[in-house]
Amino acid sequence: EVSGVEPSINVRCDFNPDGAITHEAFVTARRSVAEGFAFQGVQEAAAALGGEQAVQFTYEQLAGQTKVKKVEVAYAGHGCAWTVTLTNAADDDNYGDEFGAALSSFAFIASPTGS
């Protein structure tokens, strides 16, 4: 814990079985969310999630009176609109390796619909 922030990695699946949310639309939506929360610019980079091309957003935001850093990877496919997020104290860069390992280990075994 640094600056009152407990580091965490969160994986979220917004059910998308018919692919109604395209990867491009999801990335655009996540970029808009990041830009809305960021108090400085949002850095964007290519990333991989489960062997698929994804997009990574890095930005800082305020959680109460505390600055936190968010590193978010967004991808839509395999039955979900996926978001994998590292949340950490803005002044703590100690968890990048763990986040990279989590992303590298991510695998799509089956879609939520069972296919």
Protein backbone atom coordinates (compact mmCIF):
# COMPACT_ATOMS: atom_id res chain seq x y z
CA GLU A 1 0.00 0.00 0.00
CA VAL A 2 1.34 3.40 -1.02
CA SER A 3 -0.40 6.72 -0.37
CA GLY A 4 -3.42 4.84 0.99
CA VAL A 5 -3.98 2.95 -2.27
CA GLU A 6 -4.05 -0.84 -2.28
CA PRO A 7 -2.84 -2.06 -5.72
CA SER A 8 -5.35 -4.20 -7.58
CA ILE A 9 -5.87 -5.94 -10.90
CA ASN A 10 -9.47 -6.20 -12.05
CA VAL A 11 -10.86 -8.27 -14.95
CA ARG A 12 -14.28 -7.32 -16.25
CA CYS A 13 -16.43 -9.04 -18.88
CA ASP A 14 -19.42 -7.11 -20.20
CA PHE A 15 -21.46 -9.88 -21.81
CA ASN A 16 -21.47 -9.41 -25.61
CA PRO A 17 -22.42 -12.82 -27.08
CA ASP A 18 -23.63 -11.58 -30.46
CA GLY A 19 -20.73 -9.18 -30.98
CA ALA A 20 -23.06 -6.16 -31.03
CA ILE A 21 -20.26 -4.15 -29.43
CA THR A 22 -17.41 -4.15 -31.93
CA HIS A 23 -13.81 -3.95 -30.80
CA GLU A 24 -13.46 -0.51 -32.39
CA ALA A 25 -16.61 0.84 -30.73
CA PHE A 26 -15.56 -0.56 -27.35
CA VAL A 27 -12.09 0.97 -27.58
CA THR A 28 -13.63 4.32 -28.52
CA ALA A 29 -15.98 4.12 -25.53
CA ARG A 30 -13.17 3.18 -23.11
CA ARG A 31 -11.00 6.03 -24.48
CA SER A 32 -13.85 8.44 -23.80
CA VAL A 33 -14.23 7.14 -20.22
CA ALA A 34 -10.48 7.46 -19.61
CA GLU A 35 -10.44 10.99 -20.97
CA GLY A 36 -13.38 11.89 -18.73
CA PHE A 37 -11.62 10.67 -15.58
CA ALA A 38 -8.05 11.71 -16.36
CA PHE A 39 -6.82 14.98 -14.94
CA GLN A 40 -3.88 14.88 -17.33
CA GLY A 41 -3.57 13.32 -20.76
CA VAL A 42 -4.30 9.69 -21.57
CA GLN A 43 -1.46 7.65 -23.03
CA GLU A 44 -2.56 5.05 -25.57
CA ALA A 45 -0.57 2.06 -26.82
CA ALA A 46 -1.05 -1.26 -28.55
CA ALA A 47 -1.36 -4.26 -26.23
CA ALA A 48 -2.23 -7.95 -26.37
CA LEU A 49 -4.87 -9.82 -24.41
CA GLY A 50 -5.18 -13.56 -24.82
CA GLY A 51 -3.24 -13.34 -28.07
CA GLU A 52 -5.63 -10.75 -29.51
CA GLN A 53 -4.80 -7.16 -30.40
CA ALA A 54 -6.04 -4.81 -27.71
CA VAL A 55 -5.51 -1.20 -26.68
CA GLN A 56 -3.92 0.02 -23.45
CA PHE A 57 -4.80 3.34 -21.80
CA THR A 58 -2.66 4.79 -19.01
CA TYR A 59 -3.83 7.80 -17.03
CA GLU A 60 -4.06 9.33 -13.57
CA GLN A 61 -7.27 10.26 -11.82
CA LEU A 62 -8.42 11.42 -8.41
CA ALA A 63 -10.10 8.95 -6.06
CA GLY A 64 -11.31 11.24 -3.33
CA GLN A 65 -8.20 13.29 -2.53
CA THR A 66 -5.77 10.60 -3.69
CA LYS A 67 -4.09 10.41 -7.09
CA VAL A 68 -4.30 6.93 -8.59
CA LYS A 69 -2.81 5.56 -11.77
CA LYS A 70 -4.93 3.35 -14.00
CA VAL A 71 -3.54 1.10 -16.69
CA GLU A 72 -6.45 -0.35 -18.63
CA VAL A 73 -6.43 -2.85 -21.48
CA ALA A 74 -9.59 -3.00 -23.60
CA TYR A 75 -10.67 -5.68 -26.09
CA ALA A 76 -14.04 -6.80 -27.46
CA GLY A 77 -14.36 -10.38 -28.65
CA HIS A 78 -14.83 -13.94 -27.43
CA GLY A 79 -18.32 -13.17 -26.13
CA CYS A 80 -17.42 -10.14 -23.99
CA ALA A 81 -16.21 -6.59 -24.00
CA TRP A 82 -13.14 -7.12 -21.79
CA THR A 83 -11.44 -4.60 -19.53
CA VAL A 84 -8.36 -5.55 -17.50
CA THR A 85 -7.25 -2.77 -15.17
CA LEU A 86 -4.32 -2.15 -12.83
CA THR A 87 -5.12 0.49 -10.22
CA ASN A 88 -2.23 1.77 -8.15
CA ALA A 89 -0.97 4.86 -6.33
CA ALA A 90 0.12 7.46 -8.88
CA ASP A 91 3.61 7.59 -7.35
CA ASP A 92 4.10 3.80 -7.23
CA ASP A 93 5.46 2.05 -10.34
CA ASN A 94 6.20 -1.26 -8.62
CA TYR A 95 3.43 -3.38 -10.18
CA GLY A 96 4.05 -3.08 -13.91
CA ASP A 97 5.75 -6.48 -14.06
CA GLU A 98 2.86 -8.17 -12.26
CA PHE A 99 0.35 -6.53 -14.57
CA GLY A 100 2.37 -7.60 -17.61
CA ALA A 101 2.47 -11.17 -16.27
CA ALA A 102 -1.30 -11.13 -15.71
CA LEU A 103 -1.89 -9.92 -19.28
CA SER A 104 0.54 -12.50 -20.67
CA SER A 105 -1.19 -15.33 -18.82
CA PHE A 106 -4.68 -14.33 -19.97
CA ALA A 107 -6.28 -16.95 -22.22
CA PHE A 108 -9.71 -17.25 -23.84
CA ILE A 109 -10.73 -20.84 -23.08
CA ALA A 110 -14.38 -20.57 -24.09
CA SER A 111 -16.80 -17.77 -24.65
CA PRO A 112 -19.42 -17.13 -21.93
CA THR A 113 -21.98 -18.77 -24.20
CA GLY A 114 -20.02 -22.04 -24.02
CA SER A 115 -18.74 -22.04 -27.58
